[in-house]
N, C-alpha and C. Protein backbone atom coordinates (compact mmCIF):
# COMPACT_ATOMS: atom_id res chain seq x y z
N MET A 1 1.37 -1.53 -0.22
CA MET A 1 0.11 -0.12 -0.45
C MET A 1 0.86 1.49 0.00
N SER A 2 0.75 2.43 -0.89
CA SER A 2 1.52 3.46 -1.04
C SER A 2 1.12 4.47 0.44
N LYS A 3 2.21 5.27 0.95
CA LYS A 3 1.96 6.17 1.69
C LYS A 3 1.63 7.54 1.11
N THR A 4 0.45 8.03 1.81
CA THR A 4 0.26 9.74 1.79
C THR A 4 0.71 10.78 2.67
N ILE A 5 0.61 11.83 2.19
CA ILE A 5 1.24 12.55 3.56
C ILE A 5 -0.29 13.96 3.59
N TYR A 6 -0.45 14.69 4.21
CA TYR A 6 -1.05 15.43 4.55
C TYR A 6 -0.46 16.53 4.37
N VAL A 7 -0.77 17.72 2.88
CA VAL A 7 -0.34 19.17 3.19
C VAL A 7 -0.54 19.71 3.47
N GLY A 8 -2.06 19.91 4.10
CA GLY A 8 -2.52 20.88 4.24
C GLY A 8 -1.93 21.35 5.72
N PRO A 9 -2.41 23.08 6.20
CA PRO A 9 -2.43 23.17 7.37
C PRO A 9 -3.21 22.04 8.41
N THR A 10 -2.17 21.99 9.90
CA THR A 10 -2.78 21.50 11.10
C THR A 10 -3.80 22.09 11.59
N ILE A 11 -4.49 21.14 11.71
CA ILE A 11 -6.30 21.33 11.92
C ILE A 11 -6.17 20.39 13.29
N THR A 12 -6.65 21.04 14.40
CA THR A 12 -6.71 20.54 15.73
C THR A 12 -7.82 19.40 15.74
N GLY A 13 -7.51 17.87 15.82
CA GLY A 13 -8.75 17.45 16.05
C GLY A 13 -8.84 16.41 14.52
N VAL A 14 -8.27 16.59 13.38
CA VAL A 14 -8.43 16.52 12.06
C VAL A 14 -7.28 15.52 11.32
N ALA A 15 -6.62 16.82 11.48
CA ALA A 15 -4.34 16.35 11.15
C ALA A 15 -3.76 17.37 10.86
N VAL A 16 -2.35 16.93 11.43
CA VAL A 16 -1.77 17.37 11.25
C VAL A 16 -0.18 17.85 10.14
N ARG A 17 0.45 18.62 9.92
CA ARG A 17 0.59 18.90 8.59
C ARG A 17 1.74 18.24 8.60
N ASN A 18 2.08 17.64 7.79
CA ASN A 18 3.10 16.95 6.83
C ASN A 18 2.73 15.18 7.92
N SER A 19 1.72 15.34 7.82
CA SER A 19 1.59 13.78 8.62
C SER A 19 1.55 12.81 7.64
N VAL A 20 2.65 11.71 8.03
CA VAL A 20 2.39 10.19 6.68
C VAL A 20 1.42 9.15 7.14
N TYR A 21 0.31 9.05 6.35
CA TYR A 21 -0.69 8.06 6.80
C TYR A 21 -0.86 6.69 5.33
N GLY A 22 -0.80 4.79 6.53
CA GLY A 22 -1.11 4.59 5.25
C GLY A 22 -2.56 4.09 4.95
N GLU A 23 -2.71 4.75 5.83
CA GLU A 23 -4.55 4.57 6.06
C GLU A 23 -4.78 5.91 6.49
N LEU A 24 -5.66 6.83 5.82
CA LEU A 24 -6.35 7.78 6.25
C LEU A 24 -6.70 7.56 7.73
N PRO A 25 -7.13 8.72 8.73
CA PRO A 25 -7.32 8.25 9.82
C PRO A 25 -8.86 8.77 9.76
N GLU A 26 -9.46 8.23 11.26
CA GLU A 26 -11.60 8.56 10.73
C GLU A 26 -11.48 10.39 10.92
N SER A 27 -11.36 11.03 11.52
CA SER A 27 -11.24 11.91 11.70
C SER A 27 -11.05 12.94 10.18
N LEU A 28 -9.65 12.96 9.47
CA LEU A 28 -9.39 12.99 8.39
C LEU A 28 -10.55 12.33 7.81
N GLU A 29 -10.98 10.96 7.21
CA GLU A 29 -12.35 10.73 6.68
C GLU A 29 -13.34 11.59 6.26
N LYS A 30 -13.71 11.92 8.14
CA LYS A 30 -14.78 12.56 8.12
C LYS A 30 -15.15 14.03 7.65
N ALA A 31 -13.87 15.03 8.39
CA ALA A 31 -13.53 16.18 7.19
C ALA A 31 -13.70 15.71 5.68
N ILE A 32 -13.09 14.91 5.15
CA ILE A 32 -13.36 14.93 3.62
C ILE A 32 -14.36 14.85 3.25
N GLN A 33 -15.10 14.09 4.05
CA GLN A 33 -16.50 13.90 3.34
C GLN A 33 -17.12 15.28 3.86
N ALA A 34 -17.06 16.20 4.75
CA ALA A 34 -17.87 17.56 4.67
C ALA A 34 -17.11 18.22 3.84
N LYS A 35 -15.95 18.27 3.67
CA LYS A 35 -15.28 19.21 2.55
C LYS A 35 -13.96 18.58 1.68
N PRO A 36 -15.01 17.70 0.44
CA PRO A 36 -14.19 17.17 -0.03
C PRO A 36 -12.78 17.61 -0.83
N TYR A 37 -12.74 19.36 -0.92
CA TYR A 37 -11.59 19.26 -1.32
C TYR A 37 -10.41 19.10 -0.55
N LEU A 38 -10.69 18.95 1.14
CA LEU A 38 -9.18 18.24 2.49
C LEU A 38 -8.59 17.14 1.36
N GLY A 39 -9.67 16.52 -0.16
CA GLY A 39 -8.60 14.93 -0.33
C GLY A 39 -7.74 15.50 -1.21
N GLY A 40 -7.97 16.26 -1.85
CA GLY A 40 -6.33 17.08 -2.79
C GLY A 40 -6.07 17.26 -1.99
N LEU A 41 -5.68 17.80 -1.10
CA LEU A 41 -4.51 17.67 0.27
C LEU A 41 -3.35 17.13 0.88
N CYS A 42 -3.95 15.27 0.13
CA CYS A 42 -3.66 13.99 0.32
C CYS A 42 -2.94 13.43 -0.91
N VAL A 43 -1.37 14.10 -0.74
CA VAL A 43 -0.39 13.35 -1.72
C VAL A 43 0.17 12.10 -2.02
N PRO A 44 0.89 11.48 -2.17
CA PRO A 44 1.39 10.30 -2.70
C PRO A 44 2.69 10.92 -1.92
N ILE A 45 3.52 9.94 -1.40
CA ILE A 45 4.87 10.60 -1.17
C ILE A 45 5.55 11.02 -2.09
N THR A 46 5.41 10.66 -3.41
CA THR A 46 6.49 10.85 -4.66
C THR A 46 6.05 12.48 -5.26
N LYS A 47 4.78 13.20 -4.82
CA LYS A 47 4.15 14.29 -4.91
C LYS A 47 4.44 14.82 -3.87
N LEU A 48 5.01 14.92 -3.17
CA LEU A 48 5.19 15.61 -1.89
C LEU A 48 5.84 17.02 -2.57
N ALA A 49 7.36 17.42 -2.78
CA ALA A 49 8.33 17.74 -3.26
C ALA A 49 7.60 18.95 -4.64
N GLY A 50 6.61 18.97 -5.50
CA GLY A 50 5.77 19.56 -6.03
C GLY A 50 4.78 20.06 -5.35
N ALA A 51 4.20 19.56 -4.25
CA ALA A 51 3.39 19.88 -3.14
C ALA A 51 4.00 21.07 -2.29
N MET A 52 4.79 20.52 -2.69
CA MET A 52 5.24 21.72 -0.87
C MET A 52 5.61 22.92 -2.22
N ASP A 53 6.54 22.74 -2.95
CA ASP A 53 6.90 23.92 -4.17
C ASP A 53 5.53 24.51 -4.40
N GLN A 54 4.45 24.21 -4.64
CA GLN A 54 3.30 25.04 -4.80
C GLN A 54 3.06 25.99 -3.40
N ILE A 55 3.08 25.44 -2.33
CA ILE A 55 2.50 25.76 -0.98
C ILE A 55 3.93 26.96 -0.96
N ASP A 56 5.18 26.66 -0.81
CA ASP A 56 5.94 28.02 -0.84
C ASP A 56 5.90 28.91 -2.20
N ARG A 57 5.80 28.92 -3.26
CA ARG A 57 5.82 29.90 -3.99
C ARG A 57 4.22 30.22 -3.94
N GLN A 58 3.26 29.95 -3.32
CA GLN A 58 2.03 30.29 -3.20
C GLN A 58 1.24 30.51 -4.44
N LYS A 59 1.56 29.34 -5.53
CA LYS A 59 0.97 29.45 -6.56
C LYS A 59 0.71 28.06 -7.03
N GLY A 60 -0.50 27.84 -7.53
CA GLY A 60 -1.36 26.20 -7.86
C GLY A 60 -2.03 25.54 -7.27
N GLY A 61 -2.43 24.66 -8.08
CA GLY A 61 -3.46 24.21 -7.42
C GLY A 61 -3.67 23.66 -5.63
N ILE A 62 -2.59 23.09 -5.54
CA ILE A 62 -2.13 22.52 -4.07
C ILE A 62 -2.28 24.38 -2.96
N TYR A 63 -1.79 24.98 -3.48
CA TYR A 63 -1.95 26.10 -2.60
C TYR A 63 -3.20 26.52 -2.31
N THR A 64 -3.45 26.47 -3.54
CA THR A 64 -5.19 27.34 -3.63
C THR A 64 -6.20 26.33 -2.53
N LEU A 65 -5.96 24.83 -2.59
CA LEU A 65 -6.79 24.18 -1.67
C LEU A 65 -6.87 24.51 0.03
N TYR A 66 -4.55 24.44 0.24
CA TYR A 66 -4.05 24.53 1.35
C TYR A 66 -4.46 26.10 1.67
N LYS A 67 -4.51 26.74 1.05
CA LYS A 67 -5.18 28.31 1.35
C LYS A 67 -6.43 28.59 2.32
N LYS A 68 -7.87 27.50 1.25
CA LYS A 68 -9.56 27.20 1.64
C LYS A 68 -9.38 26.70 3.07
N ALA A 69 -8.02 25.24 3.16
CA ALA A 69 -8.13 25.26 4.32
C ALA A 69 -8.30 25.69 5.92
N LEU A 70 -6.92 26.49 4.87
CA LEU A 70 -6.82 27.48 6.61
C LEU A 70 -7.44 28.21 6.63
N GLU A 71 -8.54 28.91 5.70
CA GLU A 71 -9.65 30.06 6.02
C GLU A 71 -10.89 29.31 6.86
N ASP A 72 -11.18 27.70 6.87
CA ASP A 72 -12.02 27.05 7.01
C ASP A 72 -11.53 26.31 8.19
N SER A 73 -10.69 26.26 8.81
CA SER A 73 -9.76 25.10 9.58
C SER A 73 -11.10 25.80 10.60
N ALA A 74 -11.68 26.79 11.10
CA ALA A 74 -12.16 26.76 12.65
C ALA A 74 -13.60 25.63 11.96
N ALA A 75 -14.35 25.93 11.01
CA ALA A 75 -15.65 25.11 10.20
C ALA A 75 -14.95 23.67 10.66
N ILE A 76 -13.52 23.52 9.85
CA ILE A 76 -13.70 21.97 9.74
C ILE A 76 -13.25 20.93 11.16
N GLN A 77 -12.45 22.27 12.54
CA GLN A 77 -13.14 21.30 13.80
C GLN A 77 -13.92 21.17 14.93
N LYS A 78 -15.01 22.34 14.18
CA LYS A 78 -16.00 22.64 14.54
C LYS A 78 -16.81 20.87 13.80
N GLY A 79 -16.53 20.09 12.74
CA GLY A 79 -18.05 19.53 12.06
C GLY A 79 -17.33 18.02 12.73
N VAL A 80 -16.00 18.23 12.61
CA VAL A 80 -15.62 16.71 13.45
C VAL A 80 -15.92 16.47 14.95
N SER A 81 -15.85 17.13 15.78
CA SER A 81 -15.60 16.91 16.84
C SER A 81 -17.42 16.56 17.08
């Protein structure tokens, strides 16, 4: 099974930035059901460098999702508690 890394912002009770998963935890799965775009922040480890580059340059699809997750983080936390 391939490993996935969450590159989104840390969201208390949901996911910690740069956590590596073989299988996504229930809290993150629940958050993805409520906010499907969060699934785009779970990338294969082989794509980590490109995802981090987008976040660092503040450009690209991953950065757009990252920014949205950051803006929605309080609502996401409430949704999974």
